[in-house]
Structures are given as C-alpha cells and as structure tokens.
C-alpha atoms as a PDB file:
ATOM      1  CA  MET A   1     -56.034 177.688  78.593  1.00  0.00           C
ATOM      2  CA  THR A   2     -59.714 176.932  78.852  1.00  0.00           C
ATOM      3  CA  SER A   3     -62.262 175.896  81.428  1.00  0.00           C
ATOM      4  CA  LYS A   4     -63.144 172.205  81.587  1.00  0.00           C
ATOM      5  CA  ALA A   5     -65.594 170.178  83.604  1.00  0.00           C
ATOM      6  CA  THR A   6     -64.384 167.124  85.473  1.00  0.00           C
ATOM      7  CA  TYR A   7     -65.239 164.701  88.258  1.00  0.00           C
ATOM      8  CA  GLU A   8     -63.227 164.907  91.447  1.00  0.00           C
ATOM      9  CA  ILE A   9     -63.288 162.097  93.985  1.00  0.00           C
ATOM     10  CA  GLU A  10     -64.014 163.133  97.561  1.00  0.00           C
ATOM     11  CA  GLY A  11     -64.522 160.460 100.201  1.00  0.00           C
ATOM     12  CA  GLY A  12     -65.239 157.812  97.588  1.00  0.00           C
ATOM     13  CA  VAL A  13     -68.036 159.800  95.937  1.00  0.00           C
ATOM     14  CA  ALA A  14     -67.528 161.584  92.633  1.00  0.00           C
ATOM     15  CA  SER A  15     -68.499 165.249  92.650  1.00  0.00           C
ATOM     16  CA  TYR A  16     -68.691 167.570  89.673  1.00  0.00           C
ATOM     17  CA  ARG A  17     -66.793 170.829  89.446  1.00  0.00           C
ATOM     18  CA  ALA A  18     -65.170 173.046  86.855  1.00  0.00           C
ATOM     19  CA  THR A  19     -61.396 173.035  86.508  1.00  0.00           C
ATOM     20  CA  THR A  20     -58.915 174.779  84.269  1.00  0.00           C
ATOM     21  CA  SER A  21     -56.844 172.714  81.879  1.00  0.00           C
ATOM     22  CA  VAL A  22     -54.577 173.326  78.925  1.00  0.00           C
ATOM     23  CA  ALA A  23     -55.564 169.966  77.416  1.00  0.00           C
ATOM     24  CA  ALA A  24     -58.821 171.127  75.824  1.00  0.00           C
ATOM     25  CA  TYR A  25     -58.626 172.367  72.248  1.00  0.00           C
ATOM     26  CA  ASP A  26     -54.925 171.491  72.051  1.00  0.00           C
ATOM     27  CA  ASN A  27     -53.498 170.137  68.828  1.00  0.00           C
ATOM     28  CA  ARG A  28     -53.646 166.608  70.297  1.00  0.00           C
ATOM     29  CA  ILE A  29     -55.893 165.178  73.010  1.00  0.00           C
ATOM     30  CA  THR A  30     -55.449 161.567  74.118  1.00  0.00           C
ATOM     31  CA  CYS A  31     -58.733 159.923  75.083  1.00  0.00           C
ATOM     32  CA  VAL A  32     -60.327 156.608  75.965  1.00  0.00           C
ATOM     33  CA  THR A  33     -63.629 155.862  74.236  1.00  0.00           C
ATOM     34  CA  LEU A  34     -66.657 154.879  76.308  1.00  0.00           C
ATOM     35  CA  PHE A  35     -69.337 155.067  73.621  1.00  0.00           C
ATOM     36  CA  HIS A  36     -69.365 155.614  69.894  1.00  0.00           C
ATOM     37  CA  SER A  37     -71.831 155.418  67.022  1.00  0.00           C
ATOM     38  CA  PRO A  38     -71.859 156.937  63.532  1.00  0.00           C
ATOM     39  CA  SER A  39     -73.234 160.188  64.935  1.00  0.00           C
ATOM     40  CA  GLU A  40     -72.120 160.227  68.578  1.00  0.00           C
ATOM     41  CA  TRP A  41     -68.953 159.831  70.615  1.00  0.00           C
ATOM     42  CA  ILE A  42     -68.215 160.027  74.358  1.00  0.00           C
ATOM     43  CA  GLY A  43     -64.775 159.558  75.873  1.00  0.00           C
ATOM     44  CA  VAL A  44     -62.487 160.510  78.738  1.00  0.00           C
ATOM     45  CA  ASP A  45     -59.613 162.956  78.327  1.00  0.00           C
ATOM     46  CA  ILE A  46     -56.800 161.004  79.997  1.00  0.00           C
ATOM     47  CA  GLU A  47     -54.719 164.041  80.950  1.00  0.00           C
ATOM     48  CA  ALA A  48     -57.561 166.112  82.404  1.00  0.00           C
ATOM     49  CA  GLY A  49     -59.684 163.247  83.755  1.00  0.00           C
ATOM     50  CA  ALA A  50     -62.764 164.784  82.137  1.00  0.00           C
ATOM     51  CA  PHE A  51     -65.541 163.628  79.866  1.00  0.00           C
ATOM     52  CA  LEU A  52     -65.484 164.782  76.241  1.00  0.00           C
ATOM     53  CA  ARG A  53     -68.090 164.347  73.525  1.00  0.00           C
ATOM     54  CA  ASN A  54     -68.644 165.569  70.008  1.00  0.00           C
ATOM     55  CA  SER A  55     -70.769 168.582  69.189  1.00  0.00           C
ATOM     56  CA  ARG A  56     -74.362 167.967  68.106  1.00  0.00           C
ATOM     57  CA  HIS A  57     -73.337 169.434  64.743  1.00  0.00           C
ATOM     58  CA  LEU A  58     -70.346 167.088  64.280  1.00  0.00           C
ATOM     59  CA  ARG A  59     -71.100 163.644  62.906  1.00  0.00           C
ATOM     60  CA  PHE A  60     -68.500 161.267  64.331  1.00  0.00           C
ATOM     61  CA  SER A  61     -68.390 158.967  61.276  1.00  0.00           C
ATOM     62  CA  GLU A  62     -67.290 161.892  59.084  1.00  0.00           C
ATOM     63  CA  VAL A  63     -63.967 162.250  60.956  1.00  0.00           C
ATOM     64  CA  PRO A  64     -61.179 160.225  59.269  1.00  0.00           C
ATOM     65  CA  THR A  65     -59.825 157.443  61.479  1.00  0.00           C
ATOM     66  CA  THR A  66     -56.223 156.334  60.979  1.00  0.00           C
ATOM     67  CA  LYS A  67     -53.584 154.200  62.629  1.00  0.00           C
ATOM     68  CA  PRO A  68     -49.875 155.108  62.555  1.00  0.00           C
ATOM     69  CA  LEU A  69     -47.770 152.629  60.627  1.00  0.00           C
ATOM     70  CA  SER A  70     -44.912 150.802  62.330  1.00  0.00           C
ATOM     71  CA  THR A  71     -41.339 151.908  61.583  1.00  0.00           C
ATOM     72  CA  LYS A  72     -40.736 148.807  59.453  1.00  0.00           C
ATOM     73  CA  LYS A  73     -43.859 149.358  57.370  1.00  0.00           C
ATOM     74  CA  ARG A  74     -42.987 153.009  56.851  1.00  0.00           C
ATOM     75  CA  LYS A  75     -39.556 151.979  55.506  1.00  0.00           C
ATOM     76  CA  ASP A  76     -41.151 149.441  53.193  1.00  0.00           C
ATOM     77  CA  ARG A  77     -43.471 151.991  51.672  1.00  0.00           C
ATOM     78  CA  LYS A  78     -42.655 154.915  49.456  1.00  0.00           C
ATOM     79  CA  ALA A  79     -42.361 158.224  51.243  1.00  0.00           C
ATOM     80  CA  SER A  80     -45.610 160.011  50.653  1.00  0.00           C
ATOM     81  CA  LYS A  81     -48.373 161.540  52.697  1.00  0.00           C
ATOM     82  CA  ALA A  82     -50.728 158.805  51.571  1.00  0.00           C
ATOM     83  CA  GLY A  83     -48.328 156.181  52.913  1.00  0.00           C
ATOM     84  CA  GLU A  84     -47.996 157.638  56.387  1.00  0.00           C
ATOM     85  CA  THR A  85     -51.309 156.257  57.664  1.00  0.00           C
ATOM     86  CA  GLN A  86     -53.633 153.402  56.954  1.00  0.00           C
ATOM     87  CA  HIS A  87     -57.383 153.098  57.343  1.00  0.00           C
ATOM     88  CA  VAL A  88     -58.514 150.940  60.262  1.00  0.00           C
ATOM     89  CA  ALA A  89     -61.746 149.306  61.333  1.00  0.00           C
ATOM     90  CA  ALA A  90     -64.237 150.946  63.651  1.00  0.00           C
ATOM     91  CA  ILE A  91     -63.025 152.123  67.039  1.00  0.00           C
ATOM     92  CA  LYS A  92     -64.038 149.875  69.933  1.00  0.00           C
ATOM     93  CA  GLN A  93     -65.099 150.613  73.485  1.00  0.00           C
ATOM     94  CA  PHE A  94     -62.039 151.453  75.631  1.00  0.00           C
ATOM     95  CA  SER A  95     -59.911 152.252  72.582  1.00  0.00           C
ATOM     96  CA  ILE A  96     -57.093 154.720  73.175  1.00  0.00           C
ATOM     97  CA  VAL A  97     -57.310 157.440  70.544  1.00  0.00           C
ATOM     98  CA  VAL A  98     -55.672 160.765  69.765  1.00  0.00           C
ATOM     99  CA  LEU A  99     -57.889 163.611  68.556  1.00  0.00           C
ATOM    100  CA  HIS A 100     -56.014 165.838  66.131  1.00  0.00           C
ATOM    101  CA  ASN A 101     -56.423 169.615  65.748  1.00  0.00           C
ATOM    102  CA  THR A 102     -59.474 169.949  67.960  1.00  0.00           C
ATOM    103  CA  SER A 103     -61.250 173.265  67.867  1.00  0.00           C
ATOM    104  CA  LYS A 104     -63.531 175.078  70.257  1.00  0.00           C
ATOM    105  CA  PRO A 105     -67.249 175.043  69.313  1.00  0.00           C
ATOM    106  CA  PHE A 106     -68.632 178.303  67.949  1.00  0.00           C
ATOM    107  CA  ALA A 107     -70.893 178.554  70.989  1.00  0.00           C
ATOM    108  CA  ILE A 108     -71.204 176.516  74.192  1.00  0.00           C
ATOM    109  CA  ASP A 109     -74.118 174.103  74.022  1.00  0.00           C
ATOM    110  CA  PRO A 110     -75.723 174.005  77.498  1.00  0.00           C
ATOM    111  CA  SER A 111     -77.047 170.517  76.759  1.00  0.00           C
ATOM    112  CA  ARG A 112     -73.493 169.197  76.311  1.00  0.00           C
ATOM    113  CA  PRO A 113     -70.844 171.504  77.821  1.00  0.00           C
ATOM    114  CA  GLU A 114     -68.221 168.761  77.374  1.00  0.00           C
ATOM    115  CA  SER A 115     -68.443 168.944  73.580  1.00  0.00           C
ATOM    116  CA  ILE A 116     -65.498 169.786  71.346  1.00  0.00           C
ATOM    117  CA  GLY A 117     -65.593 171.297  67.884  1.00  0.00           C
ATOM    118  CA  ALA A 118     -64.263 170.147  64.535  1.00  0.00           C
ATOM    119  CA  LEU A 119     -61.573 167.451  64.282  1.00  0.00           C
ATOM    120  CA  ASP A 120     -59.062 166.870  61.492  1.00  0.00           C
ATOM    121  CA  SER A 121     -58.665 163.168  62.241  1.00  0.00           C
ATOM    122  CA  ILE A 122     -58.591 160.506  64.939  1.00  0.00           C
ATOM    123  CA  SER A 123     -55.637 158.131  65.414  1.00  0.00           C
ATOM    124  CA  LEU A 124     -56.278 154.736  66.959  1.00  0.00           C
ATOM    125  CA  ILE A 125     -53.396 153.918  69.334  1.00  0.00           C
ATOM    126  CA  GLY A 126     -54.546 150.732  71.071  1.00  0.00           C
ATOM    127  CA  GLN A 127     -56.840 149.292  73.718  1.00  0.00           C
ATOM    128  CA  LEU A 128     -56.919 149.979  77.453  1.00  0.00           C
ATOM    129  CA  THR A 129     -55.881 146.994  79.595  1.00  0.00           C
ATOM    130  CA  TYR A 130     -58.308 145.267  81.965  1.00  0.00           C
ATOM    131  CA  LYS A 131     -56.605 146.744  85.030  1.00  0.00           C
ATOM    132  CA  LYS A 132     -56.631 150.263  83.574  1.00  0.00           C
ATOM    133  CA  ILE A 133     -60.297 149.925  82.563  1.00  0.00           C
ATOM    134  CA  LYS A 134     -61.269 149.123  86.161  1.00  0.00           C
ATOM    135  CA  GLN A 135     -59.214 152.078  87.380  1.00  0.00           C
ATOM    136  CA  LEU A 136     -60.822 154.429  84.842  1.00  0.00           C
ATOM    137  CA  LEU A 137     -64.354 153.335  85.768  1.00  0.00           C
ATOM    138  CA  ARG A 138     -63.674 153.803  89.482  1.00  0.00           C
ATOM    139  CA  THR A 139     -62.331 157.289  88.835  1.00  0.00           C
ATOM    140  CA  MET A 140     -65.189 158.510  86.651  1.00  0.00           C
ATOM    141  CA  GLU A 141     -68.169 156.730  88.208  1.00  0.00           C
ATOM    142  CA  LEU A 142     -71.005 158.035  90.338  1.00  0.00           C
ATOM    143  CA  LYS A 143     -72.330 155.769  93.065  1.00  0.00           C
ATOM    144  CA  ALA A 144     -76.083 155.677  93.612  1.00  0.00           C
ATOM    145  CA  PRO A 145     -77.241 158.438  95.996  1.00  0.00           C
ATOM    146  CA  SER A 146     -80.359 158.113  98.115  1.00  0.00           C
ATOM    147  CA  SER A 147     -82.062 160.873  96.104  1.00  0.00           C
ATOM    148  CA  GLY A 148     -81.941 158.991  92.823  1.00  0.00           C
ATOM    149  CA  LYS A 149     -81.311 162.108  90.738  1.00  0.00           C
ATOM    150  CA  ILE A 150     -79.481 161.765  87.406  1.00  0.00           C
ATOM    151  CA  LEU A 151     -78.003 164.802  85.637  1.00  0.00           C
ATOM    152  CA  GLY A 152     -79.804 167.238  87.895  1.00  0.00           C
ATOM    153  CA  ASN A 153     -83.310 165.841  88.343  1.00  0.00           C
ATOM    154  CA  PHE A 154     -85.475 162.741  88.747  1.00  0.00           C
ATOM    155  CA  GLY A 155     -87.243 162.808  85.401  1.00  0.00           C
ATOM    156  CA  PRO A 156     -86.422 161.291  81.994  1.00  0.00           C
ATOM    157  CA  SER A 157     -85.526 164.703  80.540  1.00  0.00           C
ATOM    158  CA  VAL A 158     -84.349 168.205  81.429  1.00  0.00           C
ATOM    159  CA  ALA A 159     -85.933 171.454  80.252  1.00  0.00           C
ATOM    160  CA  PHE A 160     -83.483 173.127  77.861  1.00  0.00           C
ATOM    161  CA  MET A 161     -84.170 176.557  79.407  1.00  0.00           C
ATOM    162  CA  ASP A 162     -82.975 175.239  82.782  1.00  0.00           C
ATOM    163  CA  LEU A 163     -79.530 174.295  81.445  1.00  0.00           C
ATOM    164  CA  GLU A 164     -76.688 176.742  82.062  1.00  0.00           C
ATOM    165  CA  ALA A 165     -73.654 174.715  80.901  1.00  0.00           C
ATOM    166  CA  THR A 166     -72.514 174.437  84.529  1.00  0.00           C
ATOM    167  CA  GLU A 167     -73.746 170.874  85.067  1.00  0.00           C
ATOM    168  CA  PRO A 168     -72.613 167.693  83.267  1.00  0.00           C
ATOM    169  CA  SER A 169     -74.420 166.191  80.301  1.00  0.00           C
ATOM    170  CA  VAL A 170     -72.788 162.789  80.923  1.00  0.00           C
ATOM    171  CA  ALA A 171     -72.788 160.500  83.953  1.00  0.00           C
ATOM    172  CA  LEU A 172     -71.243 157.066  84.484  1.00  0.00           C
ATOM    173  CA  LEU A 173     -73.495 155.264  86.969  1.00  0.00           C
ATOM    174  CA  ASN A 174     -72.247 152.371  89.103  1.00  0.00           C
ATOM    175  CA  ILE A 175     -74.993 149.713  89.049  1.00  0.00           C
ATOM    176  CA  THR A 176     -73.053 146.740  90.421  1.00  0.00           C
ATOM    177  CA  LYS A 177     -75.507 146.452  93.332  1.00  0.00           C
ATOM    178  CA  SER A 178     -78.618 147.276  91.292  1.00  0.00           C
ATOM    179  CA  GLN A 179     -80.965 145.265  89.122  1.00  0.00           C
ATOM    180  CA  MET A 180     -80.964 146.111  85.411  1.00  0.00           C
ATOM    181  CA  GLU A 181     -82.617 144.813  82.255  1.00  0.00           C
ATOM    182  CA  ILE A 182     -83.371 145.835  78.694  1.00  0.00           C
ATOM    183  CA  THR A 183     -86.646 145.321  76.852  1.00  0.00           C
ATOM    184  CA  ASP A 184     -88.584 146.594  73.858  1.00  0.00           C
ATOM    185  CA  SER A 185     -91.410 148.924  74.892  1.00  0.00           C
ATOM    186  CA  GLU A 186     -94.227 150.011  72.611  1.00  0.00           C
ATOM    187  CA  ASP A 187     -93.866 153.755  73.212  1.00  0.00           C
ATOM    188  CA  LYS A 188     -90.091 154.214  73.716  1.00  0.00           C
ATOM    189  CA  GLY A 189     -88.558 151.395  71.696  1.00  0.00           C
ATOM    190  CA  VAL A 190     -85.691 149.498  73.336  1.00  0.00           C
ATOM    191  CA  VAL A 191     -85.216 150.789  76.887  1.00  0.00           C
ATOM    192  CA  CYS A 192     -82.822 150.201  79.758  1.00  0.00           C
ATOM    193  CA  ILE A 193     -84.511 149.758  83.142  1.00  0.00           C
ATOM    194  CA  PHE A 194     -82.399 149.988  86.279  1.00  0.00           C
ATOM    195  CA  GLU A 195     -82.454 151.013  89.924  1.00  0.00           C
ATOM    196  CA  TRP A 196     -80.774 154.258  90.891  1.00  0.00           C
ATOM    197  CA  GLY A 197     -81.082 155.387  94.488  1.00  0.00           C
ATOM    198  CA  ASN A 198     -84.703 154.945  95.473  1.00  0.00           C
ATOM    199  CA  THR A 199     -86.080 155.255  91.946  1.00  0.00           C
ATOM    200  CA  ILE A 200     -86.543 153.042  88.882  1.00  0.00           C
ATOM    201  CA  GLN A 201     -85.181 154.601  85.702  1.00  0.00           C
ATOM    202  CA  VAL A 202     -86.581 153.766  82.259  1.00  0.00           C
ATOM    203  CA  LEU A 203     -84.371 155.305  79.572  1.00  0.00           C
ATOM    204  CA  PRO A 204     -84.088 154.761  75.797  1.00  0.00           C
ATOM    205  CA  LEU A 205     -81.064 152.606  74.973  1.00  0.00           C
ATOM    206  CA  ALA A 206     -78.631 153.803  72.282  1.00  0.00           C
ATOM    207  CA  ASP A 207     -76.174 150.883  72.607  1.00  0.00           C
ATOM    208  CA  ALA A 208     -76.477 149.239  69.167  1.00  0.00           C
ATOM    209  CA  LYS A 209     -74.717 146.021  70.201  1.00  0.00           C
ATOM    210  CA  CYS A 210     -77.090 145.381  73.099  1.00  0.00           C
ATOM    211  CA  ARG A 211     -80.088 146.293  70.941  1.00  0.00           C
ATOM    212  CA  LYS A 212     -79.014 143.665  68.378  1.00  0.00           C
ATOM    213  CA  LEU A 213     -78.595 141.058  71.113  1.00  0.00           C
ATOM    214  CA  LEU A 214     -82.145 141.699  72.318  1.00  0.00           C
ATOM    215  CA  SER A 215     -83.485 141.528  68.756  1.00  0.00           C
ATOM    216  CA  ALA A 216     -81.709 138.206  68.138  1.00  0.00           C
ATOM    217  CA  SER A 217     -82.886 136.736  71.439  1.00  0.00           C
ATOM    218  CA  GLU A 218     -86.069 134.707  71.819  1.00  0.00           C
ATOM    219  CA  LYS A 219     -86.685 136.533  75.101  1.00  0.00           C
ATOM    220  CA  GLN A 220     -88.571 139.810  75.418  1.00  0.00           C
ATOM    221  CA  VAL A 221     -86.392 140.890  78.340  1.00  0.00           C
ATOM    222  CA  LEU A 222     -82.663 140.429  78.920  1.00  0.00           C
ATOM    223  CA  SER A 223     -81.308 140.830  82.434  1.00  0.00           C
ATOM    224  CA  LYS A 224     -77.948 142.316  83.339  1.00  0.00           C
ATOM    225  CA  LYS A 225     -76.535 138.832  83.944  1.00  0.00           C
ATOM    226  CA  GLU A 226     -77.872 137.467  80.634  1.00  0.00           C
ATOM    227  CA  LEU A 227     -76.506 140.445  78.715  1.00  0.00           C
ATOM    228  CA  GLY A 228     -73.153 140.047  80.412  1.00  0.00           C
ATOM    229  CA  LYS A 229     -72.900 136.435  79.242  1.00  0.00           C
ATOM    230  CA  LEU A 230     -73.728 137.422  75.653  1.00  0.00           C
ATOM    231  CA  LEU A 231     -71.246 140.311  75.720  1.00  0.00           C
ATOM    232  CA  GLY A 232     -68.503 138.263  77.366  1.00  0.00           C
ATOM    233  CA  HIS A 233     -68.068 140.553  80.373  1.00  0.00           C
ATOM    234  CA  LYS A 234     -70.001 141.772  83.393  1.00  0.00           C
ATOM    235  CA  ILE A 235     -72.024 144.970  83.141  1.00  0.00           C
ATOM    236  CA  THR A 236     -71.072 147.274  86.007  1.00  0.00           C
ATOM    237  CA  HIS A 237     -72.043 150.738  84.741  1.00  0.00           C
ATOM    238  CA  VAL A 238     -74.617 152.593  82.660  1.00  0.00           C
ATOM    239  CA  LEU A 239     -73.356 155.595  80.694  1.00  0.00           C
ATOM    240  CA  VAL A 240     -76.152 158.188  80.625  1.00  0.00           C
ATOM    241  CA  GLY A 241     -76.073 161.298  78.472  1.00  0.00           C
ATOM    242  CA  LEU A 242     -78.357 164.142  77.475  1.00  0.00           C
ATOM    243  CA  TYR A 243     -79.478 163.693  73.884  1.00  0.00           C
ATOM    244  CA  GLN A 244     -80.893 165.960  71.160  1.00  0.00           C
ATOM    245  CA  VAL A 245     -83.213 168.817  72.081  1.00  0.00           C
ATOM    246  CA  GLN A 246     -86.846 167.857  71.473  1.00  0.00           C
ATOM    247  CA  ASN A 247     -89.765 170.256  71.983  1.00  0.00           C
ATOM    248  CA  GLY A 248     -87.850 172.353  74.492  1.00  0.00           C
ATOM    249  CA  HIS A 249     -86.602 169.365  76.509  1.00  0.00           C
ATOM    250  CA  VAL A 250     -83.414 167.304  76.406  1.00  0.00           C
ATOM    251  CA  PRO A 251     -84.112 163.589  77.001  1.00  0.00           C
ATOM    252  CA  LYS A 252     -81.775 161.386  78.988  1.00  0.00           C
ATOM    253  CA  VAL A 253     -80.527 158.318  77.123  1.00  0.00           C
ATOM    254  CA  ALA A 254     -78.666 155.218  78.266  1.00  0.00           C
ATOM    255  CA  MET A 255     -75.822 155.643  75.781  1.00  0.00           C
ATOM    256  CA  GLY A 256     -73.978 152.442  76.634  1.00  0.00           C
ATOM    257  CA  LEU A 257     -73.777 149.505  79.035  1.00  0.00           C
ATOM    258  CA  VAL A 258     -70.239 149.346  80.339  1.00  0.00           C
ATOM    259  CA  GLY A 259     -68.043 146.899  82.194  1.00  0.00           C
ATOM    260  CA  PRO A 260     -64.354 145.945  82.381  1.00  0.00           C
ATOM    261  CA  MET A 261     -63.354 143.465  79.706  1.00  0.00           C
ATOM    262  CA  LYS A 262     -60.229 141.378  79.278  1.00  0.00           C
ATOM    263  CA  GLN A 263     -58.425 141.454  75.950  1.00  0.00           C
ATOM    264  CA  LYS A 264     -58.720 138.290  73.887  1.00  0.00           C
ATOM    265  CA  THR A 265     -55.388 136.760  72.935  1.00  0.00           C
ATOM    266  CA  PRO A 266     -54.988 135.602  69.317  1.00  0.00           C
END
C-alpha cells in the first residue's frame, strides 16, 4: 500500500488531497492517456482516480507497447512468447492502457509526485467512449477560481526549492467559458494563451499535433474555435504540467489541449 495524490470533488469544485491506494506500483495499473510524446506521458489511474506520469528519467518511447491478440489469432499462431503479442501503432489520446510491472521511483521527485518508475511494457486495450471521456474530464477538472493560480502560484514557473511533493504537478483546467489561442512567439516558441480566473496565462505548448496545425496554417494565431474545427472536436480543457527543472525553477507547460471526441466509425 502506498500514498497517492488524487482530486476529490466537493461541491462541484475539485480539491487536491493525498489518499492511500493499493493501485500504485501494482503489477498492473489500468489508465486512460491524456497526453503522450516520445519522452512524456500523463494519464489517469482509473481505479484510484488519480493522475499518473512517467519519471523524468524514464523515456516513454523506450517502453514496449503491445496489444493482446484475439483468441482466434492466438489459435492460428504457433504457441510461443513472440506470438502472444503484436506491435501496435502509437497510443492515442484517451486510449485505455495497462501498465505492466510498475515500480516505485528511487526517490520522490517533488516536481512530479505523481510519477511512477520503470515499466516492463504497456498494453493497448482500446479507446474511451465519448460519454466516458466527458465523465472523466468532469471528474478530474479544475474550474477557474477567482485567484487565477495554477499549480500553486500565479507565475509561469515554480521555484524547485519551494516544492515539497505535497502539491500536484498536473492540472486539468476547464476553459469552456474562457478565450484561448495558440501563436508562435519570438522568445517562447509556440505558446498557449488563455484566461484563467482573473489572469491571462501564456505557457509553452507541448502538444505536437496543435503545433503542426499552427505551422501548416497561413494564420499567425489560431483560436480555440479554429483549432477545434481542425482537430474535429471542441477544446474544453488545457492540461498543464510542471516540466523539467531549469536554473532552479520548474516551468509550467500546456502539455495538451483536450476535449471530448466521438469515435469515427469505419
């Protein structure tokens, strides 16, 4: 049994507190992905209702990704360890995955207390349905407070010495009633600009898909509505996370632009 951090809903507002769960560092953890890149991964532990992410020292693309074969395919293939799984394409947003043989990090990283250690492999199970996606977002989201603070303060970063591994390194922000846009700035590269409380946030954007859409567009700025049309779904949330430690500070990054999406039928 180990301590985990999770969001608990009280009066419609998500609050952060530590809970105890047997799900962490078990042999198998079932998760839903919210963001993934070759080096980074953020998801939600379905059983515990808590955010999880990979350690800063664990490159996500180095973990083997497999998909269990159907019973018929297993019968058609020769019995061997190599025939039990097949390689699959990259995991998508809102994929349901199983993390195998997770291990506890050697030391707790105060800049990402939700991180897990080494993984043997990741099994892709399927995709979350539209209805379940909306339910998940409602459960994990934070609604804009009047203070405008994100992950503990107002600024674009947090001093590493101020982190004690008691506060979250990830926040899912509900921006359905806020303006949002992405643009390419000279000093920060591609940034996500959005209203949160009574403040305007300007954060580097890690979402590769949205960055490519901006690069391919003839416009210098893409609004939330324009991005939604290009993505094929509305953008309702911004997933913010603390990033790598830089000069004693941990910058905040808009990891992904999120919204419920309906599955396309073949």
